[in-house]
Protein backbone atom coordinates (compact mmCIF):
# COMPACT_ATOMS: atom_id res chain seq x y z
CA MET A 1 19.31 -4.01 -1.16
CA ARG A 2 21.65 -1.22 -2.20
CA VAL A 3 22.54 0.23 1.18
CA GLY A 4 26.28 0.40 1.83
CA ARG A 5 26.89 -0.96 5.29
CA MET A 6 23.49 -2.65 5.48
CA LEU A 7 24.57 -4.87 2.61
CA ARG A 8 27.55 -5.92 4.63
CA GLY A 9 25.48 -6.42 7.77
CA ALA A 10 22.50 -8.25 6.27
CA VAL A 11 22.81 -11.84 5.08
CA VAL A 12 19.89 -12.98 2.98
CA ALA A 13 19.02 -16.52 4.00
CA LEU A 14 16.39 -17.22 1.38
CA ALA A 15 16.96 -16.11 -2.19
CA LEU A 16 14.32 -14.06 -3.92
CA LEU A 17 12.72 -16.24 -6.61
CA GLY A 18 11.15 -15.08 -9.82
CA LEU A 19 12.31 -11.45 -9.67
CA THR A 20 13.79 -10.28 -12.92
CA ALA A 21 13.73 -8.80 -10.39
CA CYS A 22 4.67 19.46 -29.02
CA ALA A 23 3.91 22.93 -27.61
CA SER A 24 6.20 25.86 -26.82
CA LEU A 25 6.73 26.52 -23.14
CA PRO A 26 6.27 29.98 -21.61
CA VAL A 27 9.08 31.15 -19.37
CA THR A 28 7.12 33.37 -16.99
CA GLY A 29 4.42 32.84 -14.39
CA ASP A 30 4.22 30.76 -11.28
CA VAL A 31 3.48 27.05 -11.03
CA ARG A 32 0.71 25.89 -8.74
CA PRO A 33 1.51 22.77 -6.69
CA GLY A 34 0.40 19.47 -8.15
CA LEU A 35 -0.72 16.31 -6.43
CA ALA A 36 1.59 14.68 -3.93
CA ALA A 37 2.83 11.14 -4.32
CA GLY A 38 1.18 10.41 -1.01
CA GLN A 39 -0.14 12.20 1.98
CA SER A 40 2.74 13.64 3.92
CA GLY A 41 2.60 15.30 7.26
CA GLY A 42 4.38 18.44 8.28
CA GLY A 43 8.01 19.08 7.71
CA SER A 44 9.03 18.74 11.33
CA ASP A 45 10.20 15.70 13.26
CA LEU A 46 7.61 13.31 14.66
CA ALA A 47 6.28 13.85 18.17
CA PHE A 48 6.65 10.15 19.08
CA VAL A 49 9.51 9.77 21.59
CA PRO A 50 10.64 6.17 22.27
CA GLN A 51 12.31 4.88 25.41
CA GLY A 52 16.07 5.07 25.80
CA PRO A 53 18.20 2.32 27.41
CA SER A 54 17.85 1.56 31.10
CA ASP A 55 20.41 0.07 33.47
CA GLY A 56 20.85 -3.68 33.41
CA MET A 57 19.35 -4.35 29.97
CA ASP A 58 20.71 -7.55 28.44
CA PRO A 59 22.08 -7.68 24.85
CA LYS A 60 18.77 -8.84 23.35
CA ASP A 61 16.81 -6.05 25.03
CA ILE A 62 19.41 -3.50 23.92
CA VAL A 63 19.03 -4.53 20.28
CA ARG A 64 15.24 -4.70 20.56
CA GLY A 65 15.18 -1.24 22.15
CA PHE A 66 17.48 0.11 19.47
CA ILE A 67 15.21 -1.21 16.69
CA ASP A 68 12.17 0.37 18.33
CA ALA A 69 13.92 3.69 19.01
CA ALA A 70 15.16 3.89 15.41
CA SER A 71 11.53 4.33 14.34
CA SER A 72 11.76 7.97 15.46
CA PRO A 73 14.03 10.39 13.54
CA LYS A 74 13.61 13.04 16.23
CA ASP A 75 16.85 14.94 16.92
CA SER A 76 18.66 12.96 14.22
CA TRP A 77 17.65 9.64 15.82
CA GLY A 78 19.01 10.85 19.15
CA ILE A 79 17.20 8.24 21.26
CA ALA A 80 18.39 5.35 19.08
CA ARG A 81 22.00 6.56 19.29
CA GLN A 82 21.86 6.17 23.08
CA PHE A 83 21.86 2.39 22.51
CA LEU A 84 25.21 2.68 20.63
CA THR A 85 28.75 3.13 21.85
CA ALA A 86 30.08 6.66 21.49
CA ASP A 87 32.16 5.66 18.46
CA GLU A 88 29.33 3.79 16.73
CA ALA A 89 26.88 6.62 17.43
CA GLN A 90 29.07 8.81 15.23
CA LYS A 91 29.40 6.22 12.45
CA TRP A 92 25.83 4.87 12.23
CA LYS A 93 23.84 6.21 9.23
CA PRO A 94 20.15 5.76 9.95
CA ASP A 95 18.89 7.35 6.74
CA ALA A 96 20.96 5.01 4.57
CA GLY A 97 17.88 2.86 4.01
CA VAL A 98 15.07 0.80 5.48
CA THR A 99 14.56 -2.93 5.93
CA ILE A 100 10.81 -3.52 5.94
CA ASP A 101 9.58 -6.69 7.65
CA THR A 102 6.35 -8.42 8.62
CA GLY A 103 6.41 -7.16 12.21
CA SER A 104 7.93 -7.49 15.65
CA ALA A 105 6.00 -10.70 16.43
CA GLU A 106 8.03 -12.57 13.81
CA ARG A 107 11.44 -11.14 14.70
CA ARG A 108 13.90 -13.61 16.21
CA PHE A 109 16.75 -12.43 18.45
CA ASP A 110 19.48 -15.07 18.76
CA VAL A 111 22.07 -14.46 21.46
CA PRO A 112 24.93 -16.84 22.32
CA ASP A 113 25.53 -17.82 25.92
CA VAL A 114 27.44 -14.94 27.47
CA PRO A 115 29.60 -15.43 30.57
CA LYS A 116 28.95 -12.82 33.22
CA GLU A 117 32.49 -11.49 32.90
CA ALA A 118 32.31 -11.20 29.06
CA ALA A 119 32.96 -7.73 27.63
CA SER A 120 31.53 -8.35 24.14
CA THR A 121 28.93 -10.46 22.35
CA SER A 122 26.69 -10.49 19.29
CA VAL A 123 22.97 -10.63 18.50
CA HIS A 124 21.55 -12.02 15.26
CA LEU A 125 18.19 -10.55 14.30
CA GLY A 126 16.19 -12.85 12.02
CA LEU A 127 13.19 -11.38 10.23
CA GLN A 128 10.78 -11.85 7.31
CA GLN A 129 11.61 -9.09 4.86
CA THR A 130 8.84 -7.61 2.67
CA GLY A 131 10.72 -4.74 1.05
CA THR A 132 13.57 -2.26 1.23
CA VAL A 133 14.32 1.41 0.73
CA ASP A 134 17.83 2.15 -0.50
CA GLU A 135 20.12 5.10 0.18
CA THR A 136 18.47 7.17 -2.60
CA GLY A 137 15.00 6.64 -1.14
CA ALA A 138 13.94 4.15 -3.84
CA TYR A 139 11.50 1.45 -2.68
CA SER A 140 11.69 -2.22 -3.73
CA GLY A 141 9.11 -4.83 -2.82
CA ALA A 142 9.38 -8.61 -2.76
CA PRO A 143 7.16 -11.32 -4.29
CA VAL A 144 7.14 -13.31 -1.05
CA ASN A 145 8.46 -12.66 2.42
CA ARG A 146 12.12 -13.63 2.53
CA ALA A 147 14.19 -14.60 5.49
CA ALA A 148 17.05 -12.23 6.30
CA GLU A 149 19.47 -11.66 9.14
CA LEU A 150 21.05 -8.55 10.60
CA MET A 151 24.03 -8.89 12.90
CA PHE A 152 24.80 -6.59 15.83
CA THR A 153 27.99 -6.56 17.88
CA LEU A 154 27.79 -5.34 21.47
CA ALA A 155 30.33 -4.26 24.08
CA LYS A 156 30.14 -3.20 27.71
CA ASN A 157 30.87 0.43 28.46
CA LYS A 158 32.85 1.70 31.44
CA ASP A 159 29.72 1.50 33.60
CA GLY A 160 29.25 -2.17 32.72
CA GLN A 161 26.20 -1.50 30.53
CA TRP A 162 25.75 -3.22 27.17
CA ARG A 163 25.85 -0.97 24.11
CA ILE A 164 25.93 -1.76 20.38
CA SER A 165 29.43 -1.31 18.98
CA ALA A 166 28.57 -2.26 15.37
CA ALA A 167 25.12 -1.92 13.79
CA PRO A 168 24.08 -2.17 10.15
CA ASP A 169 23.28 1.20 8.63
CA GLY A 170 19.64 2.03 8.08
CA ILE A 171 16.63 1.16 10.20
CA VAL A 172 14.08 -1.65 10.51
CA LEU A 173 10.36 -0.92 10.20
CA ASP A 174 7.40 -3.28 10.12
CA ALA A 175 5.24 -3.12 6.99
CA ASP A 176 2.24 -1.56 8.74
CA SER A 177 4.29 1.29 10.19
CA PHE A 178 6.00 1.91 6.88
CA ALA A 179 2.72 1.96 4.93
CA ALA A 180 1.27 4.41 7.44
CA ALA A 181 4.14 6.79 6.58
CA ASP A 182 4.68 7.58 10.25
CA VAL A 183 8.47 7.70 9.91
CA PHE A 184 9.19 7.79 6.19
CA ALA A 185 6.90 9.44 3.63
CA PRO A 186 6.78 9.35 -0.19
CA TYR A 187 7.86 12.39 -2.19
CA ALA A 188 7.72 12.57 -5.98
CA LEU A 189 10.83 13.95 -7.66
CA GLN A 190 9.67 15.49 -10.93
CA TYR A 191 11.42 15.03 -14.27
CA PHE A 192 10.35 15.93 -17.81
CA ASP A 193 9.46 13.56 -20.63
CA PRO A 194 11.68 13.78 -23.75
CA THR A 195 9.42 16.39 -25.39
CA TRP A 196 9.43 18.69 -22.30
CA THR A 197 5.62 18.39 -22.35
CA TYR A 198 4.83 16.34 -19.23
CA LEU A 199 6.27 15.98 -15.76
CA VAL A 200 7.11 12.40 -14.77
CA PRO A 201 7.15 11.50 -11.05
CA ASP A 202 9.90 9.39 -9.49
CA VAL A 203 8.70 8.42 -5.99
CA ARG A 204 11.27 8.41 -3.18
CA TRP A 205 10.86 7.73 0.55
CA PHE A 206 12.60 10.12 2.94
CA PRO A 207 12.44 10.46 6.74
CA LYS A 208 9.88 13.00 7.93
CA ARG A 209 12.28 15.58 9.31
CA GLU A 210 12.83 19.33 9.26
CA ASN A 211 15.44 18.96 6.51
CA THR A 212 13.24 16.97 4.12
CA ALA A 213 13.07 19.92 1.70
CA SER A 214 16.87 19.88 1.50
CA ARG A 215 16.86 16.12 0.84
CA ILE A 216 14.36 16.52 -2.01
CA VAL A 217 16.33 19.33 -3.63
CA GLN A 218 19.65 17.52 -3.25
CA SER A 219 18.19 14.36 -4.82
CA LEU A 220 16.78 16.29 -7.77
CA VAL A 221 19.69 18.62 -8.47
CA SER A 222 22.67 16.43 -7.61
CA GLY A 223 21.15 12.98 -7.99
CA LYS A 224 19.77 10.90 -10.83
CA PRO A 225 16.41 9.37 -11.69
CA SER A 226 15.84 5.78 -10.65
CA PRO A 227 17.83 3.49 -13.00
CA TRP A 228 14.71 1.81 -14.43
CA LEU A 229 13.21 5.23 -15.29
CA ALA A 230 16.32 6.97 -16.62
CA GLY A 231 15.72 6.11 -20.29
CA SER A 232 12.39 7.93 -20.47
CA VAL A 233 12.98 11.24 -18.68
CA ARG A 234 14.98 14.46 -19.00
CA THR A 235 16.12 16.96 -16.43
CA ALA A 236 17.12 20.60 -16.71
CA PHE A 237 19.88 20.05 -14.14
CA THR A 238 22.66 18.98 -16.47
CA GLY A 239 26.29 19.79 -17.11
CA ASP A 240 28.15 21.64 -14.38
CA ILE A 241 25.08 23.07 -12.66
CA ALA A 242 25.05 22.06 -8.99
CA LEU A 243 23.90 23.31 -5.62
CA GLY A 244 25.71 26.28 -4.15
CA ARG A 245 24.71 25.09 -0.66
CA ASN A 246 22.88 21.99 0.51
CA ALA A 247 20.47 23.52 3.00
CA VAL A 248 17.04 24.58 1.73
CA ILE A 249 14.77 26.20 4.30
CA PRO A 250 11.30 27.23 3.08
CA ASP A 251 10.34 30.71 4.31
CA SER A 252 6.80 32.08 3.90
CA GLN A 253 5.99 29.47 1.23
CA ILE A 254 9.10 30.43 -0.76
CA ALA A 255 12.14 28.15 -0.90
CA GLU A 256 15.47 29.62 -1.93
CA VAL A 257 17.66 27.20 -3.87
CA ALA A 258 21.25 28.38 -4.23
CA LEU A 259 23.10 27.17 -7.34
CA ASN A 260 26.74 27.43 -8.36
CA ASP A 261 28.16 29.89 -10.89
CA ALA A 262 27.46 27.52 -13.80
CA ALA A 263 23.78 28.46 -13.53
CA LEU A 264 24.64 32.00 -14.68
CA LYS A 265 25.26 30.61 -18.18
CA ALA A 266 21.98 28.72 -18.39
CA GLU A 267 19.37 29.74 -20.97
CA PRO A 268 16.14 31.28 -19.65
CA ILE A 269 14.12 28.23 -20.73
CA THR A 270 16.53 25.95 -18.82
CA LEU A 271 16.21 28.04 -15.66
CA ALA A 272 12.45 28.00 -16.04
CA ARG A 273 12.43 24.21 -16.32
CA MET A 274 14.67 23.94 -13.26
CA ARG A 275 12.26 26.05 -11.26
CA THR A 276 9.29 24.01 -12.45
CA GLN A 277 10.94 20.72 -11.47
CA LEU A 278 11.81 22.08 -8.03
CA GLU A 279 8.41 23.62 -7.32
CA ARG A 280 6.49 20.52 -8.32
CA SER A 281 8.86 18.27 -6.36
CA LEU A 282 8.55 20.39 -3.22
CA SER A 283 4.77 20.68 -3.55
CA SER A 284 4.42 17.30 -1.81
CA LEU A 285 5.63 18.99 1.39
CA SER A 286 2.01 19.88 2.13
CA GLY A 287 2.65 20.76 5.75
CA VAL A 288 5.24 23.39 4.75
CA GLY A 289 3.28 24.77 1.83
CA VAL A 290 6.07 25.53 -0.65
CA LEU A 291 4.41 27.48 -3.46
CA GLN A 292 7.40 29.08 -5.12
CA VAL A 293 11.12 28.48 -5.62
CA LYS A 294 13.63 31.29 -5.95
CA LEU A 295 16.87 30.40 -7.73
CA THR A 296 19.96 32.32 -6.63
CA VAL A 297 23.69 32.40 -7.28
CA SER A 298 25.85 33.97 -4.54
CA GLY A 299 22.76 35.62 -3.11
CA ARG A 300 21.66 37.12 -6.45
CA ASP A 301 18.19 36.25 -7.77
CA LEU A 302 18.37 34.55 -11.17
CA GLU A 303 14.84 35.80 -11.97
CA ALA A 304 13.92 32.43 -13.42
CA GLY A 305 10.47 32.07 -14.93
CA SER A 306 8.52 28.85 -14.72
CA THR A 307 6.99 26.53 -17.28
CA PRO A 308 3.44 25.44 -16.49
CA VAL A 309 3.00 21.89 -17.71
CA PRO A 310 1.01 22.42 -20.92
CA ALA A 311 -0.73 19.04 -20.86
CA PRO A 312 -2.74 17.95 -17.80
CA THR A 313 -3.03 14.26 -16.96
CA THR A 314 -6.52 14.25 -15.48
CA VAL A 315 -9.38 12.28 -17.03
CA ASP A 316 -12.98 13.30 -17.53
CA PRO A 317 -14.95 12.40 -14.39
CA ARG A 318 -17.84 11.09 -16.49
CA PRO A 319 -17.69 7.41 -17.49
CA LEU A 320 -17.16 6.95 -21.23
CA VAL A 321 -19.38 4.03 -22.25
CA LEU A 322 -21.01 2.14 -25.09
CA THR A 323 -24.69 1.32 -24.47
CA ASP A 324 -27.74 0.40 -26.58
CA LYS A 325 -28.28 4.14 -27.02
CA GLY A 326 -24.81 4.85 -28.41
CA PHE A 327 -21.31 5.84 -27.34
CA GLY A 328 -20.45 8.85 -25.21
CA TYR A 329 -20.00 10.32 -21.76
CA LEU A 330 -22.58 9.15 -19.23
CA ALA A 331 -24.03 11.67 -16.78
CA GLY A 332 -27.45 11.70 -15.17
CA GLY A 333 -28.52 8.70 -17.22
CA GLU A 334 -27.91 10.59 -20.48
CA LEU A 335 -25.14 10.14 -23.07
CA SER A 336 -23.16 13.06 -24.47
CA PRO A 337 -21.85 11.99 -27.90
CA ILE A 338 -18.40 12.82 -29.27
CA ALA A 339 -18.26 14.32 -32.75
CA GLY A 340 -16.50 12.12 -35.28
CA VAL A 341 -16.27 9.15 -32.90
CA SER A 342 -19.64 8.22 -31.41
CA ALA A 343 -21.34 7.40 -34.71
CA PRO A 344 -18.72 4.96 -36.08
CA VAL A 345 -18.40 3.25 -32.66
CA ALA A 346 -22.18 2.91 -32.26
CA ASN A 347 -22.48 1.52 -35.82
CA PHE A 348 -19.47 -0.78 -35.59
CA PRO A 349 -19.90 -3.85 -37.84
CA GLU A 350 -19.16 -6.37 -35.06
CA PRO A 351 -19.50 -6.54 -31.28
CA ILE A 352 -16.89 -4.45 -29.47
CA THR A 353 -14.87 -5.99 -26.63
CA SER A 354 -12.62 -3.10 -25.59
CA ILE A 355 -12.26 0.66 -26.11
CA ARG A 356 -9.33 2.90 -25.18
CA ALA A 357 -9.84 6.66 -25.50
CA ALA A 358 -7.58 9.71 -25.62
CA SER A 359 -8.34 12.84 -23.61
CA GLY A 360 -11.58 14.29 -24.92
CA GLY A 361 -12.34 11.05 -26.78
CA GLN A 362 -11.45 12.44 -30.22
CA ARG A 363 -9.42 9.31 -31.00
CA VAL A 364 -10.18 5.85 -29.70
CA ALA A 365 -8.70 2.38 -30.16
CA VAL A 366 -11.38 -0.27 -30.61
CA GLN A 367 -11.08 -4.05 -30.56
CA GLY A 368 -13.86 -6.13 -32.03
CA ALA A 369 -14.98 -9.63 -31.13
CA SER A 370 -12.82 -10.91 -34.00
CA GLY A 371 -9.75 -9.58 -32.19
CA VAL A 372 -8.93 -7.00 -34.88
CA VAL A 373 -7.88 -3.54 -33.60
CA TYR A 374 -9.14 -0.34 -35.22
CA ALA A 375 -8.41 3.36 -34.83
CA VAL A 376 -11.59 5.46 -34.80
CA THR A 377 -11.45 9.19 -35.47
CA ASP A 378 -12.87 11.85 -37.80
CA GLY A 379 -15.99 9.82 -38.55
CA HIS A 380 -14.40 6.59 -39.73
CA ALA A 381 -12.71 3.44 -38.43
CA ASP A 382 -9.39 2.20 -39.84
CA GLU A 383 -8.13 -1.32 -39.28
CA ILE A 384 -4.59 -1.23 -37.95
CA ASP A 385 -3.74 -4.70 -36.63
CA GLY A 386 -5.31 -8.06 -37.44
CA ARG A 387 -2.71 -10.38 -35.94
CA PRO A 388 -4.29 -13.33 -34.12
CA GLY A 389 -4.47 -13.39 -30.33
CA LEU A 390 -4.18 -9.64 -29.70
CA ILE A 391 -4.87 -8.44 -26.15
CA PRO A 392 -6.84 -5.18 -25.67
CA PRO A 393 -4.87 -2.27 -27.17
CA VAL A 394 -3.70 0.83 -25.33
CA LEU A 395 -3.39 4.44 -26.42
CA ASP A 396 -0.63 6.84 -25.40
CA PRO A 397 -0.79 10.66 -25.05
CA PHE A 398 1.13 11.15 -28.30
CA GLY A 399 -1.54 9.36 -30.32
CA TYR A 400 0.15 5.96 -30.70
CA ILE A 401 -1.92 2.79 -30.35
CA TRP A 402 0.00 -0.14 -28.86
CA THR A 403 -0.87 -3.73 -29.81
CA VAL A 404 0.67 -7.09 -28.88
CA PRO A 405 -0.37 -10.77 -29.17
CA ARG A 406 -0.98 -12.56 -25.87
CA THR A 407 1.50 -15.36 -26.59
CA SER A 408 4.13 -13.16 -28.22
CA PRO A 409 5.07 -10.48 -25.64
CA SER A 410 8.18 -9.45 -27.56
CA SER A 411 6.15 -8.45 -30.66
CA ILE A 412 4.78 -5.06 -29.62
CA LEU A 413 3.75 -2.62 -32.35
CA ALA A 414 3.08 1.11 -31.85
CA TRP A 415 0.83 2.67 -34.51
CA SER A 416 0.89 6.38 -35.31
CA ASN A 417 -2.10 8.55 -36.14
CA SER A 418 -2.14 7.63 -39.84
CA GLY A 419 -3.27 4.07 -39.04
CA SER A 420 -1.47 2.64 -42.06
CA ALA A 421 0.67 -0.49 -41.90
CA SER A 422 3.77 1.52 -42.77
CA ALA A 423 3.20 3.67 -39.68
CA SER A 424 3.75 0.85 -37.17
CA ARG A 425 6.88 0.87 -35.03
CA PRO A 426 8.19 -2.46 -33.68
CA ILE A 427 8.98 -2.35 -29.95
CA ALA A 428 10.85 -5.27 -28.40
CA GLY A 429 8.94 -6.58 -25.38
CA PRO A 430 10.10 -8.68 -22.41
CA PRO A 431 12.16 -11.55 -23.89
CA ASP A 432 11.70 -13.95 -20.95
CA ALA A 433 7.90 -13.74 -20.81
CA GLY A 434 5.71 -16.48 -22.22
CA GLN A 435 2.48 -14.48 -22.02
CA ILE A 436 1.31 -10.89 -21.73
CA THR A 437 -2.26 -10.32 -20.58
CA ALA A 438 -2.62 -6.55 -20.12
CA THR A 439 -0.77 -3.30 -20.79
CA ALA A 440 -1.28 0.34 -19.84
CA VAL A 441 0.68 3.47 -20.78
CA SER A 442 1.04 6.16 -18.12
CA ARG A 443 -0.64 9.49 -18.76
CA ASP A 444 2.72 11.20 -19.31
CA GLY A 445 3.65 8.57 -21.92
CA ALA A 446 6.94 7.79 -20.16
CA ARG A 447 6.08 4.42 -18.59
CA LEU A 448 4.45 1.17 -19.68
CA ALA A 449 2.85 -1.18 -17.16
CA MET A 450 2.57 -4.82 -18.22
CA ALA A 451 1.06 -7.98 -16.76
CA VAL A 452 3.32 -10.79 -17.95
CA THR A 453 3.84 -14.45 -17.12
CA ALA A 454 7.33 -15.96 -16.98
CA ASN A 455 8.23 -19.41 -15.68
CA GLY A 456 4.67 -19.86 -14.47
CA GLN A 457 4.70 -16.70 -12.32
CA VAL A 458 2.61 -13.60 -13.01
CA ARG A 459 4.29 -10.26 -12.43
CA ILE A 460 3.34 -6.63 -12.95
CA GLU A 461 6.28 -4.64 -14.20
CA VAL A 462 6.69 -1.00 -15.16
CA VAL A 463 9.29 -0.10 -17.78
CA ALA A 464 10.55 3.15 -19.23
CA ILE A 465 9.40 4.18 -22.72
CA THR A 466 12.17 5.75 -24.76
CA ARG A 467 10.90 8.36 -27.25
CA ASP A 468 12.38 10.85 -29.67
CA ASP A 469 11.88 14.58 -29.12
CA ARG A 470 8.58 14.42 -31.03
CA GLY A 471 7.13 11.72 -28.82
CA ALA A 472 7.53 8.74 -31.15
CA PRO A 473 8.30 5.58 -29.10
CA THR A 474 11.54 3.80 -30.00
CA ALA A 475 12.05 1.21 -27.24
CA ILE A 476 11.02 0.10 -23.75
CA GLY A 477 13.35 -0.72 -20.87
CA VAL A 478 12.81 -4.46 -20.69
CA ALA A 479 16.41 -4.98 -19.53
CA ASP A 480 15.74 -3.06 -16.31
CA PRO A 481 12.06 -3.47 -15.35
CA ASN A 482 10.59 -2.23 -12.10
CA VAL A 483 8.58 -5.21 -10.84
CA ILE A 484 5.83 -3.84 -8.59
CA ALA A 485 3.53 -6.80 -7.90
CA TRP A 486 3.25 -10.58 -8.16
CA PRO A 487 -0.48 -11.44 -8.23
CA ALA A 488 -1.75 -14.98 -8.66
CA ALA A 489 -3.53 -13.74 -11.80
CA ALA A 490 -4.11 -10.31 -13.35
CA LEU A 491 -7.41 -9.66 -15.13
CA ASP A 492 -6.78 -6.01 -16.00
CA ILE A 493 -4.46 -3.10 -15.22
CA ALA A 494 -4.84 0.67 -15.53
CA TRP A 495 -3.04 3.82 -14.37
CA LEU A 496 -5.30 5.29 -11.66
CA ASP A 497 -3.14 8.40 -11.35
CA ASP A 498 0.41 9.46 -12.18
CA THR A 499 1.99 7.23 -9.52
CA THR A 500 -0.53 4.42 -9.00
CA VAL A 501 -1.24 1.34 -11.12
CA GLY A 502 -4.53 -0.43 -10.47
CA VAL A 503 -4.29 -4.21 -10.76
CA LEU A 504 -7.50 -6.21 -10.97
CA ALA A 505 -6.15 -9.41 -9.47
CA THR A 506 -7.70 -12.72 -8.51
CA ASP A 507 -6.73 -15.87 -6.70
CA GLY A 508 -9.29 -17.84 -8.67
CA VAL A 509 -12.10 -17.15 -6.22
CA ALA A 510 -12.94 -13.43 -6.33
CA PRO A 511 -11.30 -10.36 -7.83
CA VAL A 512 -9.73 -7.60 -5.74
CA LEU A 513 -8.34 -4.23 -6.72
CA ARG A 514 -4.70 -3.77 -5.82
CA GLN A 515 -3.83 -0.07 -5.83
CA GLN A 516 -0.09 -0.33 -6.32
CA GLN A 517 2.08 2.74 -5.92
CA VAL A 518 4.98 2.72 -8.37
CA GLY A 519 7.80 3.06 -5.87
CA GLY A 520 5.84 2.14 -2.76
CA PRO A 521 3.56 -0.41 -1.07
CA ALA A 522 0.08 -1.39 -2.22
CA ARG A 523 -3.42 -1.08 -0.81
CA THR A 524 -5.99 -3.77 -1.60
CA VAL A 525 -9.72 -3.06 -1.73
CA ASP A 526 -12.76 -5.22 -2.48
CA VAL A 527 -14.65 -4.94 -5.77
CA PRO A 528 -17.85 -6.60 -7.06
CA ALA A 529 -17.32 -10.24 -7.98
CA ALA A 530 -18.38 -9.57 -11.60
CA THR A 531 -15.70 -6.91 -12.20
CA GLN A 532 -13.78 -7.44 -15.45
CA THR A 533 -12.53 -3.95 -16.35
CA ILE A 534 -11.10 -1.10 -14.28
CA ALA A 535 -10.72 2.50 -15.44
CA PRO A 536 -9.42 5.71 -13.88
CA ALA A 537 -11.71 8.56 -12.95
CA SER A 538 -11.56 12.03 -11.46
CA PRO A 539 -10.78 12.76 -8.68
CA THR A 540 -8.00 10.20 -8.58
CA THR A 541 -9.46 8.54 -5.49
CA THR A 542 -12.32 7.33 -7.68
CA VAL A 543 -12.20 4.13 -9.75
CA GLN A 544 -14.68 2.96 -12.39
CA LEU A 545 -15.51 -0.77 -12.38
CA PHE A 546 -17.36 -2.77 -15.03
CA GLY A 547 -18.55 -6.33 -15.54
CA ASN A 548 -21.54 -8.22 -16.98
CA GLY A 549 -23.21 -5.02 -18.19
CA VAL A 550 -23.02 -3.27 -14.81
CA LEU A 551 -21.03 -0.10 -14.16
CA TRP A 552 -19.93 0.84 -10.62
CA VAL A 553 -17.97 3.79 -9.31
CA ARG A 554 -15.89 3.31 -6.18
CA SER A 555 -15.04 6.53 -4.34
CA GLY A 556 -15.56 5.42 -0.75
CA PRO A 557 -15.61 2.22 1.28
CA ALA A 558 -17.98 0.49 -1.15
CA PRO A 559 -18.76 0.77 -4.87
CA THR A 560 -21.92 2.52 -6.07
CA GLN A 561 -23.89 1.10 -8.99
CA VAL A 562 -24.26 3.64 -11.80
CA SER A 563 -25.84 1.73 -14.68
CA THR A 564 -26.96 -1.76 -15.70
CA ASN A 565 -27.11 -0.98 -19.42
CA VAL A 566 -23.44 -0.77 -20.38
CA LYS A 567 -21.88 -2.86 -23.12
CA VAL A 568 -18.29 -1.58 -22.86
CA LEU A 569 -16.53 0.77 -20.44
CA ALA A 570 -13.91 2.81 -22.28
CA VAL A 571 -10.63 3.31 -20.45
CA GLN A 572 -9.68 6.98 -20.65
CA LEU A 573 -6.03 7.84 -20.96
CA GLY A 574 -5.94 11.37 -19.63
CA GLY A 575 -3.28 13.75 -20.83
CA GLN A 576 -3.25 15.55 -24.15
CA LEU A 577 -3.40 13.76 -27.49
CA GLY A 578 -0.27 14.71 -29.41
CA GLY A 579 0.95 14.19 -32.90
């Protein structure tokens, strides 16, 4: 955990094993809010008011009461500070981070024997840790619950009542409370991809307080993207540009962001990109309803335009399938063919095992039963990779098809639109992995999700994709992966939206769908036992499921059967196919 004083106060008793650990942009017009990283409530403090300390509480009850009270940020954690000495109440930093554990039932409070006349003592809190949030709001999970300890020092005040004189910074929340976002909520800081074409979300968890808008703006303007993501994103807030004041108070759906004098020298396109990043980042404050950002310097309006993201990342709501009748979009039992693609796919010379499609389906990556990967577009199919043991390919929004052999994870190739052997780009994959079973490129093209096996353990990791300013991939961030899940086995993975990776996992008995937020906890839902392939849909709460010729769509508590005559479900990328 990367929290200053919490690092000093928490002693990890059980080590964590297996964790490797295109278009011009207009500069005028407003940006409409995009999707939030998660459902957030209003911008005000929570109504829940915990109990303060009562006379005669012993050291264990004081610490337990403090932990419970710290679940409410009301009045800057005013109730929790009542459990602290006056000096410690000034020093304690509750928003420095979060220790997430399995719950109060498994917490252990160890207190030494304390003589009645003693003026000081200590309490060791033992817990089963499931994750952390650091001082920047970045979430980290754990493959298994790990034992950890937090130490509290207590002293008697002048009235003879026990109070905490030294507490680790940050708060403790059980996993259920954290996932419910009752105290902390996820907010997506928005950065650009290297081509300034897409916005790339970086999910952070901040306390639900009246100053959350200020925290978001400070993190975006004065902070940095998460280390694992830094290699794949750009920001307009560079050089000497900084905040002129820290407070940001939305007023009538408009948030004024004051910058320093350096912003006066910024180009109009830079100011427009700043405004776009801010507006899209603040759009997750749904309860406040920030629709517009006004940039100012010393009270003067900079008259910054905004840059609508030119490439959406939504997918077609219709399933894209191969059946006995052909290849196309399925709606009402009828197929709508795609010019230049449907005919060569339907007449493919061998059985097809997987299809990956760009937005609109004008270019698809096809793998046949022989394992060879082809690019299909403009009425013909071109073989691009015939290496043995290839896993299903993926397609990125810049038109590159990614291929890799199952037993050679470090041998990734990215193929450009030409489809010729000379157009492949070698990309070094994870060096410690023995196998790679599935890959998926995010719809903004900035992140690659991989299901890999290392030392007998399966892990799902998301890495940054480094690209040049034309979108050509040059490397992936295997040295600093963001490990998001550790399933027993992964059958398939897909990006369900811009911040969520779907993992079709199994324990050897039945598959389940793990909807894993990148930068947050997961939600697991049941799927039909025959499910072999998952694909995103629209709206993003909908998931397409396929197995043994049957297509289901899951948009509620249970999947709905759509067709029993499907040979292959194509996984749609979303986004805009680039060159």
